[in-house]
Amino acid sequence: MESKKAVQEQLTKEHKDVLTIIEITNTMSYKNKNRTLLSWLWPNEKSPKEKMREDLKEYFGKEEQRLTDYFNYDQAIGNSAGLAILLTELMINGTFQNHLPIAVTGAINGKGEVKAVGGIKEKIQIAEKSGFQFMIIPSENSKEAENIQQELNTNIRIFTVNHVDEAVEQINYLNENI
């Protein structure tokens, strides 16, 4: 299509939700193709999903069946669910409880450190559209999130963390005070 406006109008006409419209350039297209080609040349290079699996296994010292099932699910990609998966496992194991709907995104390493993720704008939009009042994101994404909140005038309260322990503390605080 000729413009972002034309795309927005067409999607609105088709009753499709529009979060962000990005013009795909040849550079973006070739980046994805090159990533695929490089994975063929270096098959031992781990995908973000495989790396997340290893990091969670290192953190817990083993891999629970739930995690095995998740990682065997074909639709699971990327590493931004790492923090959410880790927190879920901690709740299941009785480390802490949560009774509030809180959106969570963040990659993690084997030491529980929370690392930056992509797509923050869309994740904030989806969380707010889904009715979440709170969201936990990596501290490395804080400036980006602040700019997005101002740009979109969102009401969701965003908390940033550097480590899973900080996320647990924040969730405990919210549960005790909200």
N, C-alpha and C. Protein backbone atom coordinates (compact mmCIF):
# COMPACT_ATOMS: atom_id res chain seq x y z
N MET A 1 0.85 -1.18 0.00
CA MET A 1 0.00 0.00 0.00
C MET A 1 0.89 1.23 0.00
N GLU A 2 0.29 2.36 -0.35
CA GLU A 2 1.07 3.59 -0.51
C GLU A 2 1.51 4.23 0.79
N SER A 3 0.73 4.07 1.85
CA SER A 3 1.07 4.79 3.08
C SER A 3 0.57 4.02 4.31
N LYS A 4 1.10 4.45 5.46
CA LYS A 4 0.64 3.85 6.73
C LYS A 4 -0.83 4.15 6.94
N LYS A 5 -1.26 5.34 6.52
CA LYS A 5 -2.66 5.73 6.68
C LYS A 5 -3.57 4.80 5.88
N ALA A 6 -3.15 4.46 4.67
CA ALA A 6 -3.95 3.56 3.83
C ALA A 6 -4.05 2.17 4.48
N VAL A 7 -2.95 1.71 5.06
CA VAL A 7 -2.95 0.42 5.74
C VAL A 7 -3.90 0.47 6.93
N GLN A 8 -3.80 1.54 7.73
CA GLN A 8 -4.67 1.69 8.91
C GLN A 8 -6.14 1.70 8.49
N GLU A 9 -6.47 2.45 7.44
CA GLU A 9 -7.86 2.51 6.97
C GLU A 9 -8.36 1.14 6.53
N GLN A 10 -7.52 0.39 5.80
CA GLN A 10 -7.91 -0.93 5.33
C GLN A 10 -8.13 -1.90 6.49
N LEU A 11 -7.23 -1.89 7.46
CA LEU A 11 -7.37 -2.79 8.61
C LEU A 11 -8.58 -2.42 9.46
N THR A 12 -8.85 -1.13 9.59
CA THR A 12 -10.02 -0.67 10.34
C THR A 12 -11.29 -1.12 9.63
N LYS A 13 -11.29 -1.01 8.31
CA LYS A 13 -12.43 -1.44 7.51
C LYS A 13 -12.68 -2.95 7.70
N GLU A 14 -11.61 -3.71 7.88
CA GLU A 14 -11.72 -5.15 8.07
C GLU A 14 -11.94 -5.52 9.55
N HIS A 15 -12.14 -4.50 10.40
CA HIS A 15 -12.36 -4.70 11.84
C HIS A 15 -11.20 -5.44 12.52
N LYS A 16 -9.98 -5.10 12.12
CA LYS A 16 -8.78 -5.69 12.72
C LYS A 16 -8.17 -4.67 13.67
N ASP A 17 -7.68 -5.16 14.80
CA ASP A 17 -6.99 -4.29 15.75
C ASP A 17 -5.66 -3.85 15.16
N VAL A 18 -5.35 -2.58 15.32
CA VAL A 18 -4.09 -2.04 14.82
C VAL A 18 -3.31 -1.51 16.02
N LEU A 19 -2.15 -2.10 16.26
CA LEU A 19 -1.29 -1.62 17.33
C LEU A 19 -0.22 -0.70 16.76
N THR A 20 0.54 -1.22 15.83
CA THR A 20 1.62 -0.45 15.22
C THR A 20 1.74 -0.88 13.76
N ILE A 21 1.96 0.07 12.90
CA ILE A 21 2.20 -0.23 11.51
C ILE A 21 3.64 0.13 11.21
N ILE A 22 4.38 -0.84 10.72
CA ILE A 22 5.79 -0.64 10.41
C ILE A 22 6.03 -0.95 8.95
N GLU A 23 6.69 -0.03 8.27
CA GLU A 23 7.05 -0.27 6.88
C GLU A 23 8.22 -1.25 6.86
N ILE A 24 8.05 -2.35 6.14
CA ILE A 24 9.11 -3.34 6.04
C ILE A 24 10.03 -2.92 4.90
N THR A 25 11.30 -2.79 5.23
CA THR A 25 12.29 -2.40 4.23
C THR A 25 13.04 -3.64 3.75
N ASN A 26 13.75 -3.49 2.66
CA ASN A 26 14.57 -4.60 2.18
C ASN A 26 15.58 -5.02 3.23
N THR A 27 16.11 -4.05 3.98
CA THR A 27 17.08 -4.37 5.02
C THR A 27 16.47 -5.30 6.05
N MET A 28 15.23 -5.02 6.47
CA MET A 28 14.56 -5.89 7.44
C MET A 28 14.33 -7.28 6.85
N SER A 29 13.90 -7.33 5.62
CA SER A 29 13.63 -8.60 4.96
C SER A 29 14.91 -9.43 4.85
N TYR A 30 15.97 -8.79 4.42
CA TYR A 30 17.23 -9.50 4.25
C TYR A 30 17.83 -9.90 5.59
N LYS A 31 17.59 -9.12 6.63
CA LYS A 31 18.09 -9.48 7.96
C LYS A 31 17.50 -10.81 8.39
N ASN A 32 16.19 -11.00 8.18
CA ASN A 32 15.54 -12.27 8.53
C ASN A 32 16.06 -13.41 7.67
N LYS A 33 16.23 -13.16 6.38
CA LYS A 33 16.76 -14.20 5.49
C LYS A 33 18.18 -14.56 5.88
N ASN A 34 18.99 -13.55 6.18
CA ASN A 34 20.38 -13.81 6.58
C ASN A 34 20.44 -14.60 7.87
N ARG A 35 19.56 -14.28 8.82
CA ARG A 35 19.53 -15.01 10.08
C ARG A 35 19.25 -16.50 9.81
N THR A 36 18.34 -16.79 8.91
CA THR A 36 18.03 -18.17 8.56
C THR A 36 19.22 -18.84 7.89
N LEU A 37 19.83 -18.14 6.93
CA LEU A 37 21.00 -18.70 6.26
C LEU A 37 22.14 -18.98 7.24
N LEU A 38 22.38 -18.04 8.16
CA LEU A 38 23.44 -18.24 9.14
C LEU A 38 23.15 -19.42 10.06
N SER A 39 21.87 -19.65 10.36
CA SER A 39 21.53 -20.80 11.21
C SER A 39 21.83 -22.11 10.48
N TRP A 40 21.78 -22.09 9.16
CA TRP A 40 22.14 -23.29 8.40
C TRP A 40 23.65 -23.50 8.41
N LEU A 41 24.40 -22.38 8.34
CA LEU A 41 25.86 -22.47 8.33
C LEU A 41 26.42 -22.83 9.70
N TRP A 42 25.80 -22.32 10.75
CA TRP A 42 26.23 -22.59 12.12
C TRP A 42 25.08 -23.20 12.90
N PRO A 43 24.80 -24.46 12.63
CA PRO A 43 23.63 -25.09 13.27
C PRO A 43 23.72 -25.21 14.79
N ASN A 44 24.91 -25.06 15.34
CA ASN A 44 25.05 -25.17 16.79
C ASN A 44 24.74 -23.87 17.51
N GLU A 45 24.54 -22.79 16.77
CA GLU A 45 24.18 -21.51 17.38
C GLU A 45 22.75 -21.64 17.93
N LYS A 46 22.57 -21.28 19.18
CA LYS A 46 21.28 -21.46 19.83
C LYS A 46 20.33 -20.30 19.52
N SER A 47 19.07 -20.65 19.34
CA SER A 47 18.03 -19.64 19.15
C SER A 47 17.73 -19.00 20.51
N PRO A 48 17.09 -17.81 20.52
CA PRO A 48 16.71 -17.20 21.80
C PRO A 48 15.85 -18.14 22.66
N LYS A 49 14.97 -18.90 22.02
CA LYS A 49 14.12 -19.84 22.75
C LYS A 49 14.95 -20.94 23.40
N GLU A 50 15.93 -21.48 22.66
CA GLU A 50 16.78 -22.54 23.22
C GLU A 50 17.65 -21.99 24.36
N LYS A 51 18.14 -20.76 24.20
CA LYS A 51 18.95 -20.13 25.23
C LYS A 51 18.11 -19.93 26.50
N MET A 52 16.86 -19.46 26.32
CA MET A 52 15.97 -19.26 27.46
C MET A 52 15.74 -20.59 28.18
N ARG A 53 15.56 -21.65 27.42
CA ARG A 53 15.35 -22.97 28.02
C ARG A 53 16.54 -23.35 28.89
N GLU A 54 17.75 -23.15 28.37
CA GLU A 54 18.96 -23.45 29.15
C GLU A 54 19.07 -22.57 30.39
N ASP A 55 18.74 -21.27 30.26
CA ASP A 55 18.83 -20.36 31.39
C ASP A 55 17.84 -20.74 32.49
N LEU A 56 16.62 -21.11 32.12
CA LEU A 56 15.64 -21.52 33.12
C LEU A 56 16.07 -22.83 33.80
N LYS A 57 16.61 -23.73 33.01
CA LYS A 57 17.09 -24.99 33.58
C LYS A 57 18.24 -24.73 34.55
N GLU A 58 19.14 -23.80 34.19
CA GLU A 58 20.25 -23.44 35.09
C GLU A 58 19.72 -22.81 36.37
N TYR A 59 18.75 -21.91 36.25
CA TYR A 59 18.20 -21.23 37.41
C TYR A 59 17.56 -22.22 38.39
N PHE A 60 16.75 -23.15 37.85
CA PHE A 60 16.04 -24.10 38.70
C PHE A 60 16.86 -25.35 39.02
N GLY A 61 17.94 -25.58 38.29
CA GLY A 61 18.73 -26.78 38.51
C GLY A 61 18.16 -28.02 37.84
N LYS A 62 17.04 -27.86 37.16
CA LYS A 62 16.38 -28.96 36.44
C LYS A 62 15.30 -28.36 35.55
N GLU A 63 14.71 -29.22 34.72
CA GLU A 63 13.62 -28.75 33.88
C GLU A 63 12.35 -29.49 34.25
N GLU A 64 11.38 -28.73 34.71
CA GLU A 64 10.08 -29.30 35.06
C GLU A 64 9.34 -29.73 33.79
N GLN A 65 8.42 -30.68 33.91
CA GLN A 65 7.66 -31.16 32.76
C GLN A 65 6.88 -30.03 32.08
N ARG A 66 6.36 -29.09 32.89
CA ARG A 66 5.62 -27.95 32.31
C ARG A 66 6.51 -27.16 31.35
N LEU A 67 7.77 -27.00 31.73
CA LEU A 67 8.70 -26.25 30.88
C LEU A 67 9.01 -27.05 29.62
N THR A 68 9.20 -28.34 29.76
CA THR A 68 9.44 -29.19 28.59
C THR A 68 8.28 -29.06 27.62
N ASP A 69 7.06 -29.14 28.14
CA ASP A 69 5.87 -29.01 27.30
C ASP A 69 5.84 -27.66 26.60
N TYR A 70 6.14 -26.59 27.35
CA TYR A 70 6.14 -25.25 26.77
C TYR A 70 7.15 -25.16 25.63
N PHE A 71 8.36 -25.62 25.86
CA PHE A 71 9.40 -25.48 24.85
C PHE A 71 9.19 -26.39 23.65
N ASN A 72 8.41 -27.43 23.81
CA ASN A 72 8.10 -28.31 22.68
C ASN A 72 6.93 -27.77 21.86
N TYR A 73 6.25 -26.75 22.37
CA TYR A 73 5.13 -26.14 21.67
C TYR A 73 5.69 -25.31 20.51
N ASP A 74 5.29 -25.62 19.31
CA ASP A 74 5.86 -24.99 18.11
C ASP A 74 5.71 -23.47 18.08
N GLN A 75 4.66 -22.93 18.66
CA GLN A 75 4.40 -21.50 18.58
C GLN A 75 5.28 -20.68 19.53
N ALA A 76 5.94 -21.33 20.46
CA ALA A 76 6.78 -20.63 21.42
C ALA A 76 8.07 -20.18 20.73
N ILE A 77 8.27 -18.85 20.66
CA ILE A 77 9.48 -18.32 20.04
C ILE A 77 10.06 -17.23 20.93
N GLY A 78 11.27 -16.84 20.66
CA GLY A 78 11.88 -15.73 21.37
C GLY A 78 12.16 -16.05 22.83
N ASN A 79 12.57 -15.00 23.56
CA ASN A 79 12.95 -15.20 24.96
C ASN A 79 12.24 -14.25 25.91
N SER A 80 11.31 -13.45 25.42
CA SER A 80 10.68 -12.44 26.27
C SER A 80 9.71 -13.02 27.30
N ALA A 81 9.39 -14.28 27.19
CA ALA A 81 8.52 -14.92 28.19
C ALA A 81 9.32 -15.48 29.36
N GLY A 82 10.63 -15.37 29.32
CA GLY A 82 11.48 -15.96 30.36
C GLY A 82 11.11 -15.57 31.77
N LEU A 83 10.95 -14.27 32.02
CA LEU A 83 10.61 -13.80 33.37
C LEU A 83 9.24 -14.32 33.79
N ALA A 84 8.27 -14.27 32.89
CA ALA A 84 6.92 -14.74 33.22
C ALA A 84 6.93 -16.24 33.54
N ILE A 85 7.67 -17.01 32.77
CA ILE A 85 7.75 -18.45 33.01
C ILE A 85 8.42 -18.71 34.36
N LEU A 86 9.51 -18.01 34.63
CA LEU A 86 10.22 -18.19 35.89
C LEU A 86 9.31 -17.84 37.07
N LEU A 87 8.61 -16.72 37.00
CA LEU A 87 7.71 -16.31 38.08
C LEU A 87 6.58 -17.32 38.27
N THR A 88 6.05 -17.82 37.18
CA THR A 88 4.98 -18.83 37.26
C THR A 88 5.48 -20.07 37.98
N GLU A 89 6.66 -20.53 37.63
CA GLU A 89 7.22 -21.71 38.29
C GLU A 89 7.44 -21.45 39.78
N LEU A 90 7.92 -20.25 40.13
CA LEU A 90 8.11 -19.92 41.54
C LEU A 90 6.79 -19.92 42.30
N MET A 91 5.72 -19.45 41.66
CA MET A 91 4.41 -19.47 42.31
C MET A 91 3.92 -20.91 42.48
N ILE A 92 4.08 -21.71 41.45
CA ILE A 92 3.66 -23.11 41.52
C ILE A 92 4.42 -23.85 42.61
N ASN A 93 5.71 -23.52 42.75
CA ASN A 93 6.55 -24.17 43.77
C ASN A 93 6.33 -23.59 45.16
N GLY A 94 5.46 -22.57 45.30
CA GLY A 94 5.12 -22.02 46.60
C GLY A 94 6.05 -20.96 47.13
N THR A 95 6.94 -20.42 46.29
CA THR A 95 7.88 -19.38 46.72
C THR A 95 7.15 -18.09 47.09
N PHE A 96 6.10 -17.77 46.35
CA PHE A 96 5.29 -16.58 46.65
C PHE A 96 3.94 -16.74 45.99
N GLN A 97 3.01 -15.86 46.35
CA GLN A 97 1.66 -15.89 45.79
C GLN A 97 1.35 -14.57 45.10
N ASN A 98 0.48 -14.63 44.12
CA ASN A 98 0.03 -13.43 43.44
C ASN A 98 -1.47 -13.55 43.19
N HIS A 99 -2.21 -12.48 43.50
CA HIS A 99 -3.65 -12.48 43.30
C HIS A 99 -4.10 -11.35 42.39
N LEU A 100 -3.14 -10.68 41.76
CA LEU A 100 -3.45 -9.56 40.87
C LEU A 100 -3.07 -9.88 39.44
N PRO A 101 -3.84 -9.38 38.49
CA PRO A 101 -3.41 -9.54 37.09
C PRO A 101 -2.27 -8.56 36.80
N ILE A 102 -1.09 -9.09 36.51
CA ILE A 102 0.08 -8.29 36.23
C ILE A 102 0.70 -8.80 34.94
N ALA A 103 0.85 -7.93 33.96
CA ALA A 103 1.53 -8.31 32.71
C ALA A 103 3.03 -8.34 32.99
N VAL A 104 3.72 -9.29 32.40
CA VAL A 104 5.15 -9.46 32.64
C VAL A 104 5.86 -9.77 31.32
N THR A 105 6.99 -9.11 31.09
CA THR A 105 7.85 -9.47 29.97
C THR A 105 9.29 -9.28 30.39
N GLY A 106 10.16 -10.08 29.85
CA GLY A 106 11.59 -9.95 30.14
C GLY A 106 12.32 -11.24 29.86
N ALA A 107 13.48 -11.11 29.25
CA ALA A 107 14.36 -12.27 29.09
C ALA A 107 15.11 -12.44 30.41
N ILE A 108 15.55 -13.64 30.68
CA ILE A 108 16.34 -13.87 31.90
C ILE A 108 17.57 -14.68 31.56
N ASN A 109 18.57 -14.61 32.45
CA ASN A 109 19.71 -15.50 32.29
C ASN A 109 19.67 -16.51 33.43
N GLY A 110 20.63 -17.39 33.47
CA GLY A 110 20.64 -18.47 34.45
C GLY A 110 20.81 -18.01 35.89
N LYS A 111 21.18 -16.74 36.09
CA LYS A 111 21.34 -16.19 37.44
C LYS A 111 20.10 -15.42 37.88
N GLY A 112 19.08 -15.37 37.01
CA GLY A 112 17.86 -14.66 37.35
C GLY A 112 17.88 -13.18 37.01
N GLU A 113 18.92 -12.74 36.30
CA GLU A 113 18.98 -11.33 35.88
C GLU A 113 18.02 -11.13 34.72
N VAL A 114 17.29 -10.01 34.75
CA VAL A 114 16.28 -9.72 33.74
C VAL A 114 16.92 -8.87 32.66
N LYS A 115 16.78 -9.30 31.41
CA LYS A 115 17.41 -8.65 30.27
C LYS A 115 16.37 -8.03 29.34
N ALA A 116 16.79 -7.04 28.58
CA ALA A 116 15.91 -6.30 27.67
C ALA A 116 15.24 -7.22 26.64
N VAL A 117 14.08 -6.77 26.18
CA VAL A 117 13.33 -7.48 25.14
C VAL A 117 12.89 -6.48 24.08
N GLY A 118 12.49 -6.98 22.95
CA GLY A 118 11.98 -6.13 21.87
C GLY A 118 10.46 -6.05 21.94
N GLY A 119 9.90 -5.19 21.11
CA GLY A 119 8.45 -5.09 20.99
C GLY A 119 7.76 -4.49 22.20
N ILE A 120 8.46 -3.67 22.96
CA ILE A 120 7.87 -3.09 24.18
C ILE A 120 6.61 -2.29 23.88
N LYS A 121 6.63 -1.52 22.81
CA LYS A 121 5.45 -0.71 22.48
C LYS A 121 4.22 -1.58 22.31
N GLU A 122 4.36 -2.63 21.53
CA GLU A 122 3.23 -3.51 21.28
C GLU A 122 2.81 -4.25 22.54
N LYS A 123 3.77 -4.64 23.35
CA LYS A 123 3.46 -5.36 24.58
C LYS A 123 2.70 -4.47 25.56
N ILE A 124 3.09 -3.22 25.65
CA ILE A 124 2.36 -2.27 26.51
C ILE A 124 0.95 -2.07 25.98
N GLN A 125 0.81 -1.91 24.68
CA GLN A 125 -0.51 -1.73 24.08
C GLN A 125 -1.40 -2.94 24.33
N ILE A 126 -0.87 -4.12 24.14
CA ILE A 126 -1.65 -5.34 24.34
C ILE A 126 -2.05 -5.49 25.81
N ALA A 127 -1.10 -5.22 26.71
CA ALA A 127 -1.39 -5.34 28.15
C ALA A 127 -2.51 -4.38 28.54
N GLU A 128 -2.41 -3.14 28.09
CA GLU A 128 -3.44 -2.17 28.46
C GLU A 128 -4.78 -2.53 27.82
N LYS A 129 -4.75 -2.93 26.56
CA LYS A 129 -5.99 -3.31 25.87
C LYS A 129 -6.64 -4.53 26.53
N SER A 130 -5.82 -5.39 27.13
CA SER A 130 -6.32 -6.59 27.82
C SER A 130 -6.80 -6.30 29.23
N GLY A 131 -6.65 -5.05 29.67
CA GLY A 131 -7.18 -4.66 30.96
C GLY A 131 -6.21 -4.72 32.13
N PHE A 132 -4.94 -4.94 31.86
CA PHE A 132 -3.96 -4.97 32.94
C PHE A 132 -3.73 -3.56 33.47
N GLN A 133 -3.65 -3.43 34.78
CA GLN A 133 -3.33 -2.15 35.40
C GLN A 133 -1.84 -2.02 35.68
N PHE A 134 -1.16 -3.18 35.78
CA PHE A 134 0.26 -3.22 36.14
C PHE A 134 1.03 -4.05 35.13
N MET A 135 2.30 -3.66 34.95
CA MET A 135 3.18 -4.40 34.05
C MET A 135 4.60 -4.35 34.59
N ILE A 136 5.28 -5.48 34.54
CA ILE A 136 6.69 -5.55 34.94
C ILE A 136 7.53 -5.78 33.69
N ILE A 137 8.55 -4.94 33.52
CA ILE A 137 9.43 -5.03 32.35
C ILE A 137 10.89 -4.94 32.80
N PRO A 138 11.83 -5.27 31.93
CA PRO A 138 13.25 -5.11 32.28
C PRO A 138 13.63 -3.64 32.45
N SER A 139 14.49 -3.37 33.41
CA SER A 139 14.98 -1.99 33.61
C SER A 139 15.64 -1.45 32.35
N GLU A 140 16.28 -2.33 31.58
CA GLU A 140 16.94 -1.91 30.35
C GLU A 140 15.95 -1.32 29.34
N ASN A 141 14.67 -1.62 29.47
CA ASN A 141 13.64 -1.08 28.58
C ASN A 141 12.91 0.12 29.17
N SER A 142 13.36 0.63 30.32
CA SER A 142 12.60 1.66 31.05
C SER A 142 12.45 2.96 30.27
N LYS A 143 13.50 3.45 29.66
CA LYS A 143 13.42 4.73 28.92
C LYS A 143 12.46 4.60 27.74
N GLU A 144 12.58 3.49 27.02
CA GLU A 144 11.69 3.22 25.90
C GLU A 144 10.23 3.18 26.37
N ALA A 145 9.98 2.50 27.47
CA ALA A 145 8.61 2.39 28.01
C ALA A 145 8.08 3.74 28.43
N GLU A 146 8.94 4.55 29.04
CA GLU A 146 8.54 5.90 29.46
C GLU A 146 8.12 6.73 28.25
N ASN A 147 8.90 6.67 27.19
CA ASN A 147 8.57 7.41 25.96
C ASN A 147 7.26 6.91 25.35
N ILE A 148 7.07 5.61 25.36
CA ILE A 148 5.85 5.02 24.79
C ILE A 148 4.63 5.44 25.61
N GLN A 149 4.76 5.43 26.93
CA GLN A 149 3.64 5.85 27.78
C GLN A 149 3.24 7.29 27.49
N GLN A 150 4.22 8.15 27.29
CA GLN A 150 3.92 9.55 26.98
C GLN A 150 3.29 9.67 25.60
N GLU A 151 3.85 8.96 24.63
CA GLU A 151 3.35 9.00 23.25
C GLU A 151 1.90 8.52 23.16
N LEU A 152 1.60 7.42 23.85
CA LEU A 152 0.28 6.79 23.75
C LEU A 152 -0.69 7.22 24.85
N ASN A 153 -0.18 7.96 25.84
CA ASN A 153 -0.99 8.39 26.97
C ASN A 153 -1.68 7.20 27.65
N THR A 154 -0.86 6.20 28.01
CA THR A 154 -1.39 4.99 28.62
C THR A 154 -1.57 5.16 30.12
N ASN A 155 -2.44 4.36 30.69
CA ASN A 155 -2.72 4.40 32.13
C ASN A 155 -2.08 3.26 32.89
N ILE A 156 -1.51 2.29 32.19
CA ILE A 156 -0.93 1.14 32.86
C ILE A 156 0.30 1.58 33.67
N ARG A 157 0.41 1.06 34.90
CA ARG A 157 1.56 1.38 35.75
C ARG A 157 2.66 0.36 35.46
N ILE A 158 3.83 0.87 35.08
CA ILE A 158 4.94 0.01 34.69
C ILE A 158 6.01 0.03 35.77
N PHE A 159 6.46 -1.16 36.14
CA PHE A 159 7.53 -1.33 37.12
C PHE A 159 8.70 -2.00 36.42
N THR A 160 9.90 -1.51 36.68
CA THR A 160 11.08 -2.07 36.04
C THR A 160 11.91 -2.86 37.06
N VAL A 161 12.50 -3.93 36.58
CA VAL A 161 13.30 -4.80 37.45
C VAL A 161 14.58 -5.23 36.73
N ASN A 162 15.61 -5.50 37.55
CA ASN A 162 16.87 -6.01 37.04
C ASN A 162 17.06 -7.50 37.33
N HIS A 163 16.29 -8.01 38.28
CA HIS A 163 16.46 -9.40 38.72
C HIS A 163 15.10 -9.98 39.10
N VAL A 164 14.98 -11.29 38.99
CA VAL A 164 13.72 -11.94 39.34
C VAL A 164 13.33 -11.66 40.79
N ASP A 165 14.31 -11.53 41.68
CA ASP A 165 13.99 -11.23 43.08
C ASP A 165 13.27 -9.89 43.22
N GLU A 166 13.67 -8.91 42.41
CA GLU A 166 12.99 -7.60 42.43
C GLU A 166 11.56 -7.74 41.94
N ALA A 167 11.35 -8.60 40.93
CA ALA A 167 9.99 -8.83 40.43
C ALA A 167 9.12 -9.45 41.52
N VAL A 168 9.66 -10.42 42.23
CA VAL A 168 8.92 -11.05 43.33
C VAL A 168 8.60 -10.01 44.40
N GLU A 169 9.57 -9.19 44.77
CA GLU A 169 9.34 -8.13 45.76
C GLU A 169 8.25 -7.18 45.30
N GLN A 170 8.28 -6.78 44.03
CA GLN A 170 7.29 -5.85 43.49
C GLN A 170 5.89 -6.48 43.51
N ILE A 171 5.81 -7.74 43.12
CA ILE A 171 4.52 -8.43 43.11
C ILE A 171 3.99 -8.57 44.54
N ASN A 172 4.86 -8.92 45.47
CA ASN A 172 4.45 -9.00 46.88
C ASN A 172 3.95 -7.65 47.38
N TYR A 173 4.67 -6.59 47.06
CA TYR A 173 4.28 -5.24 47.47
C TYR A 173 2.88 -4.88 46.92
N LEU A 174 2.69 -5.13 45.63
CA LEU A 174 1.40 -4.81 45.02
C LEU A 174 0.28 -5.63 45.67
N ASN A 175 0.51 -6.90 45.93
CA ASN A 175 -0.51 -7.74 46.54
C ASN A 175 -0.85 -7.31 47.95
N GLU A 176 0.11 -6.79 48.67
CA GLU A 176 -0.12 -6.34 50.05
C GLU A 176 -0.76 -4.96 50.12
N ASN A 177 -0.58 -4.13 49.08
CA ASN A 177 -0.99 -2.73 49.15
C ASN A 177 -2.10 -2.33 48.18
N ILE A 178 -2.55 -3.21 47.36
CA ILE A 178 -3.60 -2.86 46.39
C ILE A 178 -4.90 -3.53 46.79
